[in-house]
PDB file of N, CA and C in Angstrom:
ATOM      1  N   MET A   1      -4.231 -12.163 -12.029  1.00  0.00           N
ATOM      2  CA  MET A   1      -3.033 -11.644 -12.520  1.00  0.00           C
ATOM      3  C   MET A   1      -2.394 -10.768 -11.661  1.00  0.00           C
ATOM      4  N   ASN A   2      -1.121 -11.027 -11.209  1.00  0.00           N
ATOM      5  CA  ASN A   2      -0.484  -9.857 -10.192  1.00  0.00           C
ATOM      6  C   ASN A   2       0.321  -8.800 -11.044  1.00  0.00           C
ATOM      7  N   LYS A   3      -0.594  -7.738 -10.990  1.00  0.00           N
ATOM      8  CA  LYS A   3       0.260  -6.368 -11.636  1.00  0.00           C
ATOM      9  C   LYS A   3       1.189  -5.493 -10.901  1.00  0.00           C
ATOM     10  N   THR A   4       2.617  -5.753 -11.713  1.00  0.00           N
ATOM     11  CA  THR A   4       3.746  -4.924 -11.041  1.00  0.00           C
ATOM     12  C   THR A   4       3.383  -3.443 -10.692  1.00  0.00           C
ATOM     13  N   LEU A   5       4.417  -2.689  -9.975  1.00  0.00           N
ATOM     14  CA  LEU A   5       4.036  -1.065  -9.634  1.00  0.00           C
ATOM     15  C   LEU A   5       4.583  -0.609 -11.391  1.00  0.00           C
ATOM     16  N   GLU A   6       5.670  -1.162 -11.932  1.00  0.00           N
ATOM     17  CA  GLU A   6       5.609  -0.746 -13.409  1.00  0.00           C
ATOM     18  C   GLU A   6       4.528  -0.590 -14.287  1.00  0.00           C
ATOM     19  N   HIS A   7       3.840  -1.508 -14.169  1.00  0.00           N
ATOM     20  CA  HIS A   7       2.278  -1.565 -15.197  1.00  0.00           C
ATOM     21  C   HIS A   7       1.821  -0.260 -14.466  1.00  0.00           C
ATOM     22  N   TYR A   8       1.465  -0.114 -13.427  1.00  0.00           N
ATOM     23  CA  TYR A   8       0.197   0.998 -12.878  1.00  0.00           C
ATOM     24  C   TYR A   8       1.256   2.174 -13.078  1.00  0.00           C
ATOM     25  N   MET A   9       2.558   2.485 -13.064  1.00  0.00           N
ATOM     26  CA  MET A   9       3.245   3.332 -13.585  1.00  0.00           C
ATOM     27  C   MET A   9       3.235   3.970 -15.047  1.00  0.00           C
ATOM     28  N   ASN A  10       2.840   2.889 -15.973  1.00  0.00           N
ATOM     29  CA  ASN A  10       2.673   3.055 -17.234  1.00  0.00           C
ATOM     30  C   ASN A  10       1.205   3.546 -17.519  1.00  0.00           C
ATOM     31  N   ASP A  11       0.090   3.183 -16.392  1.00  0.00           N
ATOM     32  CA  ASP A  11      -1.295   3.358 -16.713  1.00  0.00           C
ATOM     33  C   ASP A  11      -1.581   4.554 -17.427  1.00  0.00           C
ATOM     34  N   PRO A  12      -2.112   5.060 -18.231  1.00  0.00           N
ATOM     35  CA  PRO A  12      -2.545   6.488 -19.217  1.00  0.00           C
ATOM     36  C   PRO A  12      -3.284   7.177 -18.110  1.00  0.00           C
ATOM     37  N   SER A  13      -3.716   6.801 -17.153  1.00  0.00           N
ATOM     38  CA  SER A  13      -4.164   7.684 -15.867  1.00  0.00           C
ATOM     39  C   SER A  13      -3.012   8.706 -15.232  1.00  0.00           C
ATOM     40  N   VAL A  14      -1.566   7.861 -15.107  1.00  0.00           N
ATOM     41  CA  VAL A  14      -0.565   7.956 -14.518  1.00  0.00           C
ATOM     42  C   VAL A  14       0.246   8.639 -15.307  1.00  0.00           C
ATOM     43  N   ALA A  15       0.559   7.836 -16.469  1.00  0.00           N
ATOM     44  CA  ALA A  15       1.798   8.379 -16.985  1.00  0.00           C
ATOM     45  C   ALA A  15       2.011   9.704 -17.471  1.00  0.00           C
ATOM     46  N   HIS A  16       1.107  10.321 -17.532  1.00  0.00           N
ATOM     47  CA  HIS A  16       1.245  11.560 -17.469  1.00  0.00           C
ATOM     48  C   HIS A  16       2.033  12.592 -16.419  1.00  0.00           C
ATOM     49  N   LEU A  17       1.829  12.377 -15.452  1.00  0.00           N
ATOM     50  CA  LEU A  17       2.426  13.052 -13.881  1.00  0.00           C
ATOM     51  C   LEU A  17       3.901  12.889 -14.007  1.00  0.00           C
ATOM     52  N   GLN A  18       4.520  13.839 -13.188  1.00  0.00           N
ATOM     53  CA  GLN A  18       5.623  14.323 -13.063  1.00  0.00           C
ATOM     54  C   GLN A  18       5.871  12.910 -12.119  1.00  0.00           C
ATOM     55  N   MET A  19       7.313  12.646 -11.916  1.00  0.00           N
ATOM     56  CA  MET A  19       7.695  11.295 -10.994  1.00  0.00           C
ATOM     57  C   MET A  19       7.158  11.201  -9.719  1.00  0.00           C
ATOM     58  N   PRO A  20       7.530  12.359  -8.984  1.00  0.00           N
ATOM     59  CA  PRO A  20       7.216  11.796  -7.625  1.00  0.00           C
ATOM     60  C   PRO A  20       5.633  11.620  -7.138  1.00  0.00           C
ATOM     61  N   LEU A  21       4.737  12.503  -7.914  1.00  0.00           N
ATOM     62  CA  LEU A  21       3.123  12.243  -8.121  1.00  0.00           C
ATOM     63  C   LEU A  21       2.551  11.011  -8.906  1.00  0.00           C
ATOM     64  N   ARG A  22       3.722  10.801  -9.966  1.00  0.00           N
ATOM     65  CA  ARG A  22       3.238   9.470 -10.737  1.00  0.00           C
ATOM     66  C   ARG A  22       3.394   8.294  -9.868  1.00  0.00           C
ATOM     67  N   GLU A  23       4.407   8.442  -8.933  1.00  0.00           N
ATOM     68  CA  GLU A  23       4.643   7.155  -8.496  1.00  0.00           C
ATOM     69  C   GLU A  23       3.867   6.869  -6.890  1.00  0.00           C
ATOM     70  N   VAL A  24       3.217   8.095  -6.326  1.00  0.00           N
ATOM     71  CA  VAL A  24       2.608   8.003  -5.230  1.00  0.00           C
ATOM     72  C   VAL A  24       0.849   7.458  -6.002  1.00  0.00           C
ATOM     73  N   LYS A  25       0.742   8.142  -7.080  1.00  0.00           N
ATOM     74  CA  LYS A  25      -0.453   7.803  -7.623  1.00  0.00           C
ATOM     75  C   LYS A  25      -0.626   6.286  -7.995  1.00  0.00           C
ATOM     76  N   ALA A  26       0.488   5.722  -8.755  1.00  0.00           N
ATOM     77  CA  ALA A  26       0.568   4.499  -8.952  1.00  0.00           C
ATOM     78  C   ALA A  26       0.500   3.512  -8.016  1.00  0.00           C
ATOM     79  N   ILE A  27       0.939   3.945  -6.771  1.00  0.00           N
ATOM     80  CA  ILE A  27       1.205   3.017  -5.467  1.00  0.00           C
ATOM     81  C   ILE A  27      -0.259   2.698  -4.978  1.00  0.00           C
ATOM     82  N   ARG A  28      -1.347   4.269  -5.002  1.00  0.00           N
ATOM     83  CA  ARG A  28      -2.466   4.336  -4.658  1.00  0.00           C
ATOM     84  C   ARG A  28      -3.677   3.020  -5.310  1.00  0.00           C
ATOM     85  N   LEU A  29      -3.485   3.224  -6.630  1.00  0.00           N
ATOM     86  CA  LEU A  29      -3.790   2.535  -7.744  1.00  0.00           C
ATOM     87  C   LEU A  29      -3.956   1.078  -7.296  1.00  0.00           C
ATOM     88  N   MET A  30      -2.363   0.803  -7.118  1.00  0.00           N
ATOM     89  CA  MET A  30      -2.023  -0.836  -6.785  1.00  0.00           C
ATOM     90  C   MET A  30      -2.960  -1.373  -5.828  1.00  0.00           C
ATOM     91  N   LEU A  31      -3.198  -0.648  -4.476  1.00  0.00           N
ATOM     92  CA  LEU A  31      -3.409  -0.804  -3.436  1.00  0.00           C
ATOM     93  C   LEU A  31      -4.994  -0.819  -3.452  1.00  0.00           C
ATOM     94  N   HIS A  32      -5.433   0.206  -4.252  1.00  0.00           N
ATOM     95  CA  HIS A  32      -6.929  -0.076  -4.513  1.00  0.00           C
ATOM     96  C   HIS A  32      -7.470  -1.680  -5.114  1.00  0.00           C
ATOM     97  N   ASP A  33      -6.298  -1.834  -6.289  1.00  0.00           N
ATOM     98  CA  ASP A  33      -6.693  -2.936  -6.989  1.00  0.00           C
ATOM     99  C   ASP A  33      -6.492  -4.214  -6.094  1.00  0.00           C
ATOM    100  N   GLU A  34      -5.898  -4.253  -4.724  1.00  0.00           N
ATOM    101  CA  GLU A  34      -5.473  -5.127  -3.964  1.00  0.00           C
ATOM    102  C   GLU A  34      -6.633  -5.726  -3.169  1.00  0.00           C
ATOM    103  N   ILE A  35      -7.477  -4.182  -3.048  1.00  0.00           N
ATOM    104  CA  ILE A  35      -8.014  -4.506  -1.599  1.00  0.00           C
ATOM    105  C   ILE A  35      -9.660  -4.302  -2.202  1.00  0.00           C
ATOM    106  N   SER A  36      -9.852  -3.854  -3.534  1.00  0.00           N
ATOM    107  CA  SER A  36     -11.521  -3.488  -3.864  1.00  0.00           C
ATOM    108  C   SER A  36     -12.255  -4.933  -3.798  1.00  0.00           C
ATOM    109  N   GLU A  37     -11.663  -5.743  -3.832  1.00  0.00           N
ATOM    110  CA  GLU A  37     -12.820  -6.828  -3.920  1.00  0.00           C
ATOM    111  C   GLU A  37     -12.936  -7.446  -2.318  1.00  0.00           C
ATOM    112  N   LYS A  38     -12.279  -7.071  -1.619  1.00  0.00           N
ATOM    113  CA  LYS A  38     -12.329  -7.484  -0.233  1.00  0.00           C
ATOM    114  C   LYS A  38     -13.475  -6.835   0.442  1.00  0.00           C
ATOM    115  N   THR A  39     -13.885  -7.819   1.872  1.00  0.00           N
ATOM    116  CA  THR A  39     -14.680  -7.085   3.265  1.00  0.00           C
ATOM    117  C   THR A  39     -13.803  -6.328   3.937  1.00  0.00           C
ATOM    118  N   PRO A  40     -14.522  -5.226   4.694  1.00  0.00           N
ATOM    119  CA  PRO A  40     -13.578  -4.511   5.438  1.00  0.00           C
ATOM    120  C   PRO A  40     -13.092  -5.130   6.290  1.00  0.00           C
ATOM    121  N   LEU A  41     -13.457  -6.190   6.948  1.00  0.00           N
ATOM    122  CA  LEU A  41     -12.735  -7.083   7.776  1.00  0.00           C
ATOM    123  C   LEU A  41     -10.818  -7.833   7.056  1.00  0.00           C
ATOM    124  N   GLU A  42     -11.254  -8.151   5.656  1.00  0.00           N
ATOM    125  CA  GLU A  42     -10.090  -8.852   4.954  1.00  0.00           C
ATOM    126  C   GLU A  42      -8.893  -7.612   4.714  1.00  0.00           C
ATOM    127  N   SER A  43      -9.749  -6.279   4.454  1.00  0.00           N
ATOM    128  CA  SER A  43      -8.949  -5.218   4.226  1.00  0.00           C
ATOM    129  C   SER A  43      -7.842  -4.806   5.343  1.00  0.00           C
ATOM    130  N   THR A  44      -8.768  -5.174   6.725  1.00  0.00           N
ATOM    131  CA  THR A  44      -7.914  -4.504   7.843  1.00  0.00           C
ATOM    132  C   THR A  44      -6.747  -5.755   7.785  1.00  0.00           C
ATOM    133  N   GLU A  45      -7.163  -6.819   7.723  1.00  0.00           N
ATOM    134  CA  GLU A  45      -6.230  -7.976   7.897  1.00  0.00           C
ATOM    135  C   GLU A  45      -5.246  -8.034   7.066  1.00  0.00           C
ATOM    136  N   HIS A  46      -5.473  -7.564   5.742  1.00  0.00           N
ATOM    137  CA  HIS A  46      -4.520  -7.192   4.707  1.00  0.00           C
ATOM    138  C   HIS A  46      -3.148  -6.237   5.462  1.00  0.00           C
ATOM    139  N   PHE A  47      -3.809  -4.991   5.559  1.00  0.00           N
ATOM    140  CA  PHE A  47      -3.174  -3.899   5.971  1.00  0.00           C
ATOM    141  C   PHE A  47      -2.280  -4.248   7.116  1.00  0.00           C
ATOM    142  N   SER A  48      -3.020  -5.078   8.168  1.00  0.00           N
ATOM    143  CA  SER A  48      -2.092  -5.298   9.157  1.00  0.00           C
ATOM    144  C   SER A  48      -1.100  -6.552   8.814  1.00  0.00           C
ATOM    145  N   ARG A  49      -1.455  -7.246   8.242  1.00  0.00           N
ATOM    146  CA  ARG A  49      -0.389  -8.207   7.502  1.00  0.00           C
ATOM    147  C   ARG A  49       1.071  -7.591   6.816  1.00  0.00           C
ATOM    148  N   LYS A  50       0.256  -6.455   5.949  1.00  0.00           N
ATOM    149  CA  LYS A  50       1.111  -5.756   5.264  1.00  0.00           C
ATOM    150  C   LYS A  50       2.373  -4.976   6.335  1.00  0.00           C
ATOM    151  N   PHE A  51       1.555  -4.274   7.343  1.00  0.00           N
ATOM    152  CA  PHE A  51       2.133  -3.638   8.395  1.00  0.00           C
ATOM    153  C   PHE A  51       3.210  -4.450   9.339  1.00  0.00           C
ATOM    154  N   GLU A  52       3.187  -5.498   9.545  1.00  0.00           N
ATOM    155  CA  GLU A  52       4.210  -6.470  10.196  1.00  0.00           C
ATOM    156  C   GLU A  52       5.180  -7.017   9.275  1.00  0.00           C
ATOM    157  N   GLU A  53       5.050  -7.226   8.127  1.00  0.00           N
ATOM    158  CA  GLU A  53       6.025  -7.556   7.022  1.00  0.00           C
ATOM    159  C   GLU A  53       6.944  -6.127   7.301  1.00  0.00           C
ATOM    160  N   MET A  54       6.376  -4.961   7.131  1.00  0.00           N
ATOM    161  CA  MET A  54       7.671  -3.806   7.122  1.00  0.00           C
ATOM    162  C   MET A  54       8.110  -3.502   8.371  1.00  0.00           C
ATOM    163  N   GLN A  55       7.356  -3.788   9.084  1.00  0.00           N
ATOM    164  CA  GLN A  55       7.735  -3.608  11.084  1.00  0.00           C
ATOM    165  C   GLN A  55       8.944  -4.650  10.772  1.00  0.00           C
ATOM    166  N   GLU A  56       9.004  -5.919  10.322  1.00  0.00           N
ATOM    167  CA  GLU A  56      10.067  -6.805  10.380  1.00  0.00           C
ATOM    168  C   GLU A  56      11.345  -6.583   9.568  1.00  0.00           C
ATOM    169  N   LYS A  57      10.835  -6.083   8.273  1.00  0.00           N
ATOM    170  CA  LYS A  57      12.033  -5.773   7.578  1.00  0.00           C
ATOM    171  C   LYS A  57      12.617  -4.624   7.931  1.00  0.00           C
ATOM    172  N   TYR A  58      12.199  -3.556   8.090  1.00  0.00           N
ATOM    173  CA  TYR A  58      12.599  -2.261   8.457  1.00  0.00           C
ATOM    174  C   TYR A  58      13.153  -1.935   9.883  1.00  0.00           C
ATOM    175  N   LYS A  59      12.794  -3.218  10.811  1.00  0.00           N
ATOM    176  CA  LYS A  59      13.291  -2.987  12.514  1.00  0.00           C
ATOM    177  C   LYS A  59      12.555  -1.853  13.174  1.00  0.00           C
ATOM    178  N   PHE A  60      11.558  -1.461  12.783  1.00  0.00           N
ATOM    179  CA  PHE A  60      10.740  -0.297  13.536  1.00  0.00           C
ATOM    180  C   PHE A  60      10.176  -0.661  14.474  1.00  0.00           C
ATOM    181  N   ASN A  61       9.648   0.177  15.726  1.00  0.00           N
ATOM    182  CA  ASN A  61       8.835  -0.443  16.600  1.00  0.00           C
ATOM    183  C   ASN A  61       7.994   0.846  17.073  1.00  0.00           C
ATOM    184  N   PHE A  62       6.486   0.747  16.706  1.00  0.00           N
ATOM    185  CA  PHE A  62       5.696   1.603  17.041  1.00  0.00           C
ATOM    186  C   PHE A  62       4.625   1.241  18.712  1.00  0.00           C
ATOM    187  N   GLN A  63       4.860   2.539  19.186  1.00  0.00           N
ATOM    188  CA  GLN A  63       3.909   2.366  20.806  1.00  0.00           C
ATOM    189  C   GLN A  63       2.535   3.120  20.354  1.00  0.00           C
ATOM    190  N   THR A  64       1.547   2.151  20.982  1.00  0.00           N
ATOM    191  CA  THR A  64       0.047   2.914  20.837  1.00  0.00           C
ATOM    192  C   THR A  64       0.199   3.877  22.059  1.00  0.00           C
ATOM    193  N   ALA A  65      -1.027   4.892  22.150  1.00  0.00           N
ATOM    194  CA  ALA A  65      -0.730   5.792  23.209  1.00  0.00           C
ATOM    195  C   ALA A  65      -1.155   4.943  24.414  1.00  0.00           C
ATOM    196  N   ALA A  66      -1.909   3.670  24.605  1.00  0.00           N
ATOM    197  CA  ALA A  66      -2.244   2.987  25.804  1.00  0.00           C
ATOM    198  C   ALA A  66      -0.990   2.066  26.214  1.00  0.00           C
ATOM    199  N   SER A  67      -0.173   1.818  25.222  1.00  0.00           N
ATOM    200  CA  SER A  67       1.180   0.730  25.705  1.00  0.00           C
ATOM    201  C   SER A  67       1.816   1.979  26.312  1.00  0.00           C
ATOM    202  N   ALA A  68       1.880   3.129  25.835  1.00  0.00           N
ATOM    203  CA  ALA A  68       3.140   4.035  26.296  1.00  0.00           C
ATOM    204  C   ALA A  68       3.166   4.680  27.741  1.00  0.00           C
ATOM    205  N   GLN A  69       1.599   4.288  28.024  1.00  0.00           N
ATOM    206  CA  GLN A  69       1.475   4.712  29.410  1.00  0.00           C
ATOM    207  C   GLN A  69       1.973   3.805  30.380  1.00  0.00           C
TER     208      GLN A  69
END
């Protein structure tokens, strides 16, 4: 089952917090659940894929120290 952010926002361990912290904590819980059953390599691939999706969506470009030289 894919849980939504709304589900995590209503989690008892998060629901009592004020909004900015509540949202951050809910996102952290969601990310933990996404990767908790993955190997380190699978986790790295997951976050690389998510990063590329965000990079494409928001049209930003990061340079590593090596590529900036």
